[in-house]
Protein backbone atom coordinates (compact mmCIF):
# COMPACT_ATOMS: atom_id res chain seq x y z
CA MET A 1 -35.61 13.86 -0.76
CA ARG A 2 -34.70 12.23 2.54
CA LEU A 3 -35.50 8.50 2.48
CA LEU A 4 -36.19 5.73 5.34
CA GLY A 5 -35.29 2.05 4.83
CA ILE A 6 -36.35 -0.28 7.19
CA ASP A 7 -35.43 -4.20 7.65
CA PRO A 8 -37.82 -5.51 10.02
CA GLY A 9 -36.67 -8.35 12.76
CA LEU A 10 -37.78 -9.12 16.14
CA ARG A 11 -34.73 -8.92 17.86
CA HIS A 12 -32.99 -6.35 15.74
CA THR A 13 -34.89 -4.03 13.15
CA GLY A 14 -31.90 -2.39 10.65
CA TRP A 15 -32.79 1.60 9.71
CA GLY A 16 -30.47 3.69 7.32
CA ILE A 17 -31.17 7.15 6.05
CA ILE A 18 -30.17 8.44 2.73
CA ASP A 19 -30.63 11.44 0.69
CA VAL A 20 -31.41 11.59 -2.86
CA ALA A 21 -31.01 14.56 -5.16
CA GLY A 22 -31.34 13.79 -8.69
CA ASN A 23 -29.02 10.41 -9.58
CA ARG A 24 -26.83 11.20 -6.69
CA LEU A 25 -27.32 9.32 -3.17
CA SER A 26 -25.72 10.57 -0.03
CA HIS A 27 -25.40 8.74 3.26
CA VAL A 28 -27.13 10.21 6.09
CA ALA A 29 -27.11 8.01 9.09
CA ASP A 30 -27.91 4.37 9.91
CA GLY A 31 -28.10 1.70 12.67
CA ALA A 32 -30.52 -1.02 14.18
CA VAL A 33 -33.16 -0.98 17.44
CA HIS A 34 -33.25 -4.06 19.44
CA SER A 35 -35.47 -5.40 21.58
CA ASP A 36 -35.06 -7.25 24.58
CA ASP A 37 -35.77 -10.95 24.22
CA SER A 38 -36.41 -11.54 28.00
CA CYS A 39 -39.37 -9.65 27.87
CA PRO A 40 -42.96 -10.36 26.84
CA LEU A 41 -43.58 -9.48 22.90
CA ALA A 42 -45.90 -6.85 23.64
CA GLU A 43 -43.14 -4.88 25.38
CA ARG A 44 -40.53 -5.81 22.63
CA LEU A 45 -43.02 -4.77 20.21
CA LEU A 46 -43.29 -1.45 21.97
CA GLN A 47 -39.51 -1.22 22.58
CA LEU A 48 -39.16 -1.06 18.66
CA HIS A 49 -41.98 1.24 17.90
CA ASP A 50 -40.50 4.02 20.46
CA ALA A 51 -36.96 3.39 19.29
CA LEU A 52 -37.71 3.49 15.51
CA SER A 53 -40.65 6.44 16.38
CA ALA A 54 -37.17 8.28 17.57
CA VAL A 55 -35.26 7.67 14.50
CA VAL A 56 -38.33 9.73 12.35
CA GLU A 57 -38.48 12.19 14.96
CA ARG A 58 -34.78 12.81 14.91
CA TYR A 59 -34.16 12.55 10.81
CA ARG A 60 -37.22 13.55 9.73
CA PRO A 61 -37.58 11.62 5.90
CA ASP A 62 -39.81 12.37 3.78
CA GLU A 63 -40.87 8.76 2.56
CA ALA A 64 -40.10 5.04 3.72
CA ALA A 65 -39.68 1.80 2.46
CA VAL A 66 -39.66 -1.41 4.42
CA GLU A 67 -38.58 -5.09 3.44
CA GLU A 68 -41.42 -7.61 2.78
CA THR A 69 -41.14 -10.61 4.39
CA PHE A 70 -41.66 -14.37 2.97
CA VAL A 71 -44.15 -17.02 4.40
CA ASN A 72 -41.91 -19.59 5.65
CA SER A 73 -42.62 -23.01 7.00
CA ASN A 74 -42.34 -22.11 10.63
CA ALA A 75 -45.95 -20.42 10.94
CA VAL A 76 -44.70 -18.73 14.60
CA SER A 77 -41.82 -17.45 13.28
CA THR A 78 -43.40 -16.11 10.57
CA LEU A 79 -46.10 -14.79 12.79
CA LYS A 80 -43.50 -12.92 14.76
CA LEU A 81 -41.86 -11.32 12.21
CA GLY A 82 -45.10 -10.25 10.84
CA GLN A 83 -45.97 -8.27 13.93
CA ALA A 84 -42.54 -6.59 14.00
CA ARG A 85 -42.68 -5.93 10.52
CA ALA A 86 -46.26 -4.33 11.33
CA VAL A 87 -44.42 -1.90 13.62
CA ALA A 88 -41.91 -1.05 11.39
CA LEU A 89 -45.17 -0.10 8.71
CA LEU A 90 -46.90 1.31 11.34
CA VAL A 91 -44.15 3.94 12.82
CA PRO A 92 -43.37 5.96 9.30
CA ALA A 93 -47.44 5.68 8.77
CA GLN A 94 -47.94 7.46 11.83
CA ALA A 95 -45.62 10.31 11.33
CA GLY A 96 -47.95 10.91 7.76
CA LEU A 97 -44.79 9.37 5.63
CA ALA A 98 -46.01 7.16 2.28
CA VAL A 99 -44.34 3.63 2.83
CA ALA A 100 -43.39 1.48 -0.06
CA GLU A 101 -42.67 -2.36 0.30
CA TYR A 102 -40.30 -4.43 -1.73
CA ALA A 103 -39.11 -7.94 -1.77
CA ASN A 104 -35.77 -9.03 -0.53
CA ASN A 105 -34.74 -10.25 -4.04
CA MET A 106 -35.59 -7.05 -5.73
CA VAL A 107 -33.38 -4.81 -3.36
CA LYS A 108 -31.05 -7.05 -4.25
CA LYS A 109 -31.56 -6.58 -7.81
CA ALA A 110 -31.63 -2.65 -7.20
CA VAL A 111 -28.26 -2.58 -5.40
CA VAL A 112 -26.39 -5.64 -6.64
CA GLY A 113 -27.46 -6.34 -10.04
CA GLN A 114 -29.38 -9.88 -9.78
CA GLY A 115 -31.72 -11.23 -6.71
CA ARG A 116 -29.13 -13.98 -5.52
CA ALA A 117 -26.54 -12.25 -4.16
CA GLU A 118 -25.12 -13.08 -0.70
CA LYS A 119 -25.15 -10.31 2.06
CA ALA A 120 -21.72 -9.43 1.67
CA GLN A 121 -21.95 -8.65 -1.81
CA VAL A 122 -25.04 -5.98 -0.56
CA GLN A 123 -22.82 -4.56 1.94
CA THR A 124 -19.91 -4.16 -0.88
CA MET A 125 -22.10 -2.58 -2.97
CA VAL A 126 -24.05 -0.41 -0.11
CA ARG A 127 -20.68 1.12 0.48
CA LEU A 128 -19.62 1.71 -3.41
CA LEU A 129 -23.16 3.36 -3.69
CA LEU A 130 -22.67 5.87 -0.64
CA PRO A 131 -19.10 6.53 -0.60
CA GLY A 132 -17.77 6.99 2.85
CA CYS A 133 -20.15 5.28 4.54
CA GLU A 134 -19.58 3.19 7.74
CA ILE A 135 -21.86 0.63 8.22
CA GLY A 136 -23.01 -0.25 11.97
CA SER A 137 -24.40 -3.55 10.96
CA PRO A 138 -25.44 -5.93 8.79
CA ASP A 139 -29.10 -5.23 9.71
CA ALA A 140 -28.21 -1.20 9.09
CA ALA A 141 -26.50 -2.63 5.18
CA ASP A 142 -29.77 -4.53 4.59
CA ALA A 143 -32.02 -1.20 5.43
CA LEU A 144 -29.73 0.79 3.40
CA ALA A 145 -30.17 -1.25 0.69
CA VAL A 146 -33.96 -1.00 0.86
CA ALA A 147 -33.72 2.62 0.76
CA ILE A 148 -31.54 2.77 -2.32
CA CYS A 149 -33.87 0.08 -3.93
CA HIS A 150 -36.57 2.89 -3.04
CA ALA A 151 -34.44 5.89 -4.99
CA HIS A 152 -34.41 3.27 -7.88
CA HIS A 153 -37.89 2.91 -7.98
CA ARG A 154 -39.80 6.00 -7.05
CA ALA A 155 -40.78 7.15 -10.19
CA SER A 156 -42.91 4.49 -10.97
CA TRP A 157 -44.09 3.77 -7.18
CA THR A 158 -45.20 7.62 -7.15
CA MET A 159 -46.70 7.43 -10.19
CA TRP A 160 -48.78 4.42 -8.92
CA ARG A 161 -49.87 6.12 -5.67
CA ARG A 162 -51.06 9.38 -7.51
CA GLY A 163 -53.57 7.26 -9.70
CA GLY A 164 -54.45 5.27 -6.67
CA GLU A 165 -54.91 7.66 -4.36
CA ALA A 166 -57.12 9.64 -7.15
CA SER A 167 -59.09 6.48 -7.29
CA GLN A 168 -58.92 4.15 -4.42
CA PRO A 169 -60.84 4.61 -1.19
CA ALA A 170 -59.63 6.68 1.34
CA GLN A 171 -59.41 3.40 4.03
CA SER A 172 -56.56 1.99 1.31
CA ALA A 173 -53.40 1.24 2.88
CA LEU A 174 -50.50 3.58 2.10
CA SER A 175 -47.97 0.84 1.62
CA ARG A 176 -47.66 -0.41 -2.36
CA PRO A 177 -48.99 -3.80 -2.00
CA GLY A 178 -47.83 -6.70 -3.70
CA ARG A 179 -44.17 -8.62 -3.21
CA GLY A 180 -42.56 -5.31 -4.01
CA ARG A 181 -42.90 -5.81 -7.84
CA GLY A 182 -45.14 -2.33 -9.01
CA PRO A 183 -48.39 -0.78 -8.68
CA ALA A 184 -51.54 -1.77 -7.38
CA ALA A 185 -53.89 -4.05 -9.40
CA GLY A 186 -54.90 -1.47 -12.35
CA GLY A 187 -58.42 -3.28 -13.31
CA GLU A 188 -60.83 -1.90 -14.85
CA GLY A 189 -63.87 -2.48 -12.57
CA GLU A 190 -64.90 0.34 -10.96
CA GLY A 191 -62.15 2.25 -7.91
CA LEU A 192 -59.06 1.61 -9.75
CA SER A 193 -57.54 3.90 -12.58
CA THR A 194 -56.43 2.05 -15.47
CA PRO A 195 -52.38 2.61 -16.12
CA PRO A 196 -51.37 4.12 -19.32
CA LEU A 197 -49.77 1.21 -20.58
CA ALA A 198 -52.67 -1.67 -19.59
CA LYS A 199 -54.27 -1.42 -23.30
CA GLN A 200 -50.67 -1.97 -24.73
CA ALA A 201 -50.43 -5.24 -22.62
CA LYS A 202 -53.82 -6.55 -24.17
CA ARG A 203 -52.32 -6.45 -27.62
CA LEU A 204 -52.27 -9.74 -29.54
CA PRO A 205 -48.74 -11.56 -29.25
CA THR A 206 -46.79 -11.93 -32.67
CA PRO A 207 -46.47 -15.37 -34.33
CA GLU A 208 -42.76 -15.36 -32.95
CA GLU A 209 -44.38 -14.44 -29.28
CA THR A 210 -46.47 -17.08 -29.49
CA GLU A 211 -44.34 -20.01 -30.66
CA ARG A 212 -41.50 -19.18 -28.07
CA ALA A 213 -44.56 -19.22 -25.47
CA HIS A 214 -45.16 -22.49 -26.50
CA VAL A 215 -41.95 -23.84 -26.75
CA LEU A 216 -41.18 -22.44 -22.85
CA ARG A 217 -44.65 -24.13 -22.17
CA ARG A 218 -43.86 -27.51 -23.17
CA ASP A 219 -40.30 -27.19 -21.77
CA SER A 220 -41.63 -25.93 -18.57
CA THR A 221 -39.30 -27.11 -15.40
CA GLU A 222 -40.75 -29.55 -12.81
CA VAL A 223 -41.21 -26.17 -10.40
CA GLU A 224 -43.05 -24.78 -12.90
CA LYS A 225 -45.18 -28.00 -13.11
CA MET A 226 -45.39 -28.22 -9.37
CA LEU A 227 -46.67 -24.83 -9.39
CA TRP A 228 -49.16 -24.97 -12.30
CA GLN A 229 -50.51 -27.95 -10.75
CA LYS A 230 -51.94 -25.85 -7.80
CA LEU A 231 -52.66 -22.49 -9.84
CA ARG A 232 -54.29 -23.84 -12.88
CA ASN A 233 -58.40 -24.48 -13.11
CA GLY A 234 -58.71 -21.54 -10.31
CA GLN A 235 -57.77 -23.41 -7.74
CA LEU A 236 -57.11 -20.49 -5.65
CA GLY A 237 -59.67 -18.10 -6.37
CA ALA A 238 -58.24 -16.96 -9.66
CA LYS A 239 -57.49 -17.68 -13.28
CA PHE A 240 -54.35 -18.02 -14.59
CA ARG A 241 -52.35 -18.82 -17.54
CA ARG A 242 -48.91 -19.87 -18.11
CA GLN A 243 -46.08 -18.77 -20.40
CA GLU A 244 -48.23 -15.70 -21.55
CA PRO A 245 -46.43 -13.31 -23.92
CA ILE A 246 -47.07 -9.72 -22.52
CA PHE A 247 -45.00 -6.60 -24.37
CA GLY A 248 -42.86 -9.11 -25.89
CA PHE A 249 -41.59 -10.76 -22.69
CA THR A 250 -42.96 -14.16 -21.62
CA VAL A 251 -43.99 -13.94 -17.87
CA ASP A 252 -44.26 -17.26 -15.90
CA PHE A 253 -47.81 -17.05 -14.93
CA VAL A 254 -50.39 -14.23 -15.06
CA SER A 255 -54.17 -13.75 -13.92
CA HIS A 256 -55.04 -10.87 -15.94
CA ASP A 257 -58.33 -10.59 -13.56
CA HIS A 258 -56.21 -9.45 -10.84
CA ARG A 259 -53.51 -7.96 -12.89
CA LEU A 260 -50.94 -10.09 -11.17
CA ILE A 261 -47.66 -11.66 -12.46
CA ILE A 262 -46.16 -14.55 -10.68
CA GLU A 263 -42.24 -15.31 -11.89
CA LEU A 264 -39.75 -18.48 -10.85
CA ASP A 265 -36.19 -17.29 -10.64
CA GLY A 266 -34.08 -20.11 -11.79
CA GLY A 267 -34.60 -22.09 -14.85
CA GLN A 268 -35.52 -20.18 -18.21
CA HIS A 269 -35.15 -17.05 -16.31
CA ALA A 270 -32.36 -17.05 -13.91
CA GLU A 271 -29.31 -14.41 -14.32
CA GLN A 272 -30.81 -12.38 -16.67
CA ARG A 273 -29.05 -9.02 -17.58
CA ALA A 274 -29.90 -6.68 -15.03
CA ALA A 275 -30.94 -3.54 -17.57
CA HIS A 276 -33.32 -6.21 -19.55
CA ASP A 277 -34.84 -7.58 -16.13
CA GLU A 278 -35.21 -3.90 -14.65
CA ARG A 279 -36.88 -2.83 -18.06
CA ARG A 280 -39.22 -5.73 -18.30
CA SER A 281 -40.43 -5.24 -14.94
CA ARG A 282 -40.69 -1.27 -15.10
CA MET A 283 -43.06 -2.18 -18.24
CA LEU A 284 -45.11 -4.16 -16.47
CA GLU A 285 -45.76 -2.31 -13.14
CA GLN A 286 -46.57 0.67 -15.39
CA ALA A 287 -49.09 -0.99 -17.13
CA GLY A 288 -50.38 -1.99 -13.68
CA PHE A 289 -49.32 -5.60 -13.06
CA ARG A 290 -48.07 -6.74 -9.39
CA ILE A 291 -45.25 -8.73 -9.89
CA MET A 292 -44.48 -11.67 -7.29
CA ARG A 293 -41.15 -13.47 -7.67
CA PHE A 294 -40.16 -16.61 -6.03
CA TRP A 295 -37.06 -18.82 -6.18
CA ASN A 296 -37.32 -22.53 -7.55
CA THR A 297 -36.26 -23.22 -3.93
CA ASP A 298 -39.32 -21.50 -2.14
CA VAL A 299 -41.64 -23.87 -4.30
CA GLY A 300 -39.28 -27.18 -3.66
CA ASP A 301 -39.22 -26.62 -0.31
CA ASN A 302 -41.99 -24.49 1.00
CA LEU A 303 -45.04 -24.95 -1.61
CA ASP A 304 -47.48 -24.45 0.96
CA GLY A 305 -46.03 -20.86 2.00
CA VAL A 306 -45.74 -19.81 -1.39
CA LEU A 307 -49.67 -20.77 -1.83
CA THR A 308 -50.59 -18.76 1.03
CA THR A 309 -48.38 -15.83 -0.33
CA ILE A 310 -50.40 -15.83 -3.31
CA LYS A 311 -53.66 -16.50 -2.00
CA ALA A 312 -52.94 -13.03 0.19
CA ARG A 313 -51.96 -11.00 -2.72
CA LEU A 314 -55.21 -12.30 -4.49
CA ASP A 315 -57.24 -11.40 -1.28
CA GLU A 316 -56.34 -7.88 -1.37
CA THR A 317 -56.94 -7.37 -5.20
CA SER A 318 -60.25 -8.80 -4.61
CA VAL A 319 -61.04 -6.17 -1.95
CA LEU A 320 -60.18 -2.87 -4.55
CA ARG A 321 -61.63 -4.62 -7.21
CA ARG A 322 -64.83 -4.63 -5.40
CA PRO A 323 -67.38 -2.11 -6.89
CA VAL A 324 -68.29 0.89 -4.78
CA ALA A 325 -72.15 1.19 -4.21
CA ALA A 326 -73.82 4.34 -5.44
CA ALA A 327 -74.94 6.81 -2.52
CA ASN A 328 -78.67 7.39 -4.14
CA PRO A 329 -78.99 3.92 -6.85
CA SER A 330 -81.53 4.82 -9.50
CA PRO A 331 -83.99 2.10 -9.54
CA GLY A 332 -84.15 -0.09 -12.39
CA PRO A 333 -84.08 -3.97 -13.20
CA ALA A 334 -81.56 -5.96 -11.10
CA GLY A 335 -78.26 -6.61 -12.36
CA HIS A 336 -74.70 -7.69 -11.76
CA PRO A 337 -72.23 -5.45 -10.57
CA LEU A 338 -69.66 -4.25 -13.13
CA PRO A 339 -66.95 -6.34 -13.85
CA GLY A 340 -37.89 -13.96 -0.84
CA ARG A 341 -36.26 -16.60 1.41
CA GLU A 342 -37.00 -17.71 4.74
CA ARG A 343 -35.18 -15.75 7.69
CA ASP A 344 -35.30 -16.27 11.41
CA SER A 345 -37.71 -14.38 12.86
CA GLU A 346 -35.62 -12.77 15.36
CA SER A 347 -32.80 -11.60 12.93
């Protein structure tokens, strides 16, 4: 299996190719494509498109993965980076590749073991995981890290994708929705399949789990209180619960209707053991939850951006959960339908 990782940026877009054989990863190639910042935006996007297309044509990967971007406080910068990222998604999709998306902190956890690693740590681990790799640039190192992350999470991603292709409308995006944290929402309405672990996730918590959740609610951090004020009472169009026990884990915020979990890195959940954190995420993903993770500083410094990102994910889920009308409905009485980090825009 040959995987392409892409780290999108308007000025420099990194790319990395790895081969996967069982548990063995091997480096194939890496580099970065560039746009001329003296040219109009449309021409710069075309430059990125053509250069990435040449990479795909030369190395012919089987799948691709693209790093997700975080909505920062500068709307213009966010828009520019989003346009460059759209090119990064479009090129492999045009070549017929399935495209996965992963958040920056998830990539770091997959490569280093914790989501707040520095770039130097990521580069060091990439070299260790890909022996003999001579990284051409920091952008290329980030792209190789994205490819490694996809190699680690292909199993759960493929499981979701196979289920989604069988049940979602043909126009659904190839990319895995959410902040790189799990399968699409596995709701129980029409048009969506129910993942195998979804029913287990609904079991009643034990008294110990309930007590632990109660303590965490009582001892909420200021950042958790700040976000809860915006999530409570359906202010974003979804009902959220806080400090909810699921599978024996206590998640920060969850909307069961949208199968969306929001976690804050820091406070009670900071620096958890990598194996425990990975197992937790995998089980929640296989139960059909999408997981969005934000650092405490994200909420404290840019609450509006965090809320915008969450609302976009909720809107995606609302589209997927929309009931599909029958081609020849039978007559009858009318009824209701069944129920990461700011970064420079040109990096």
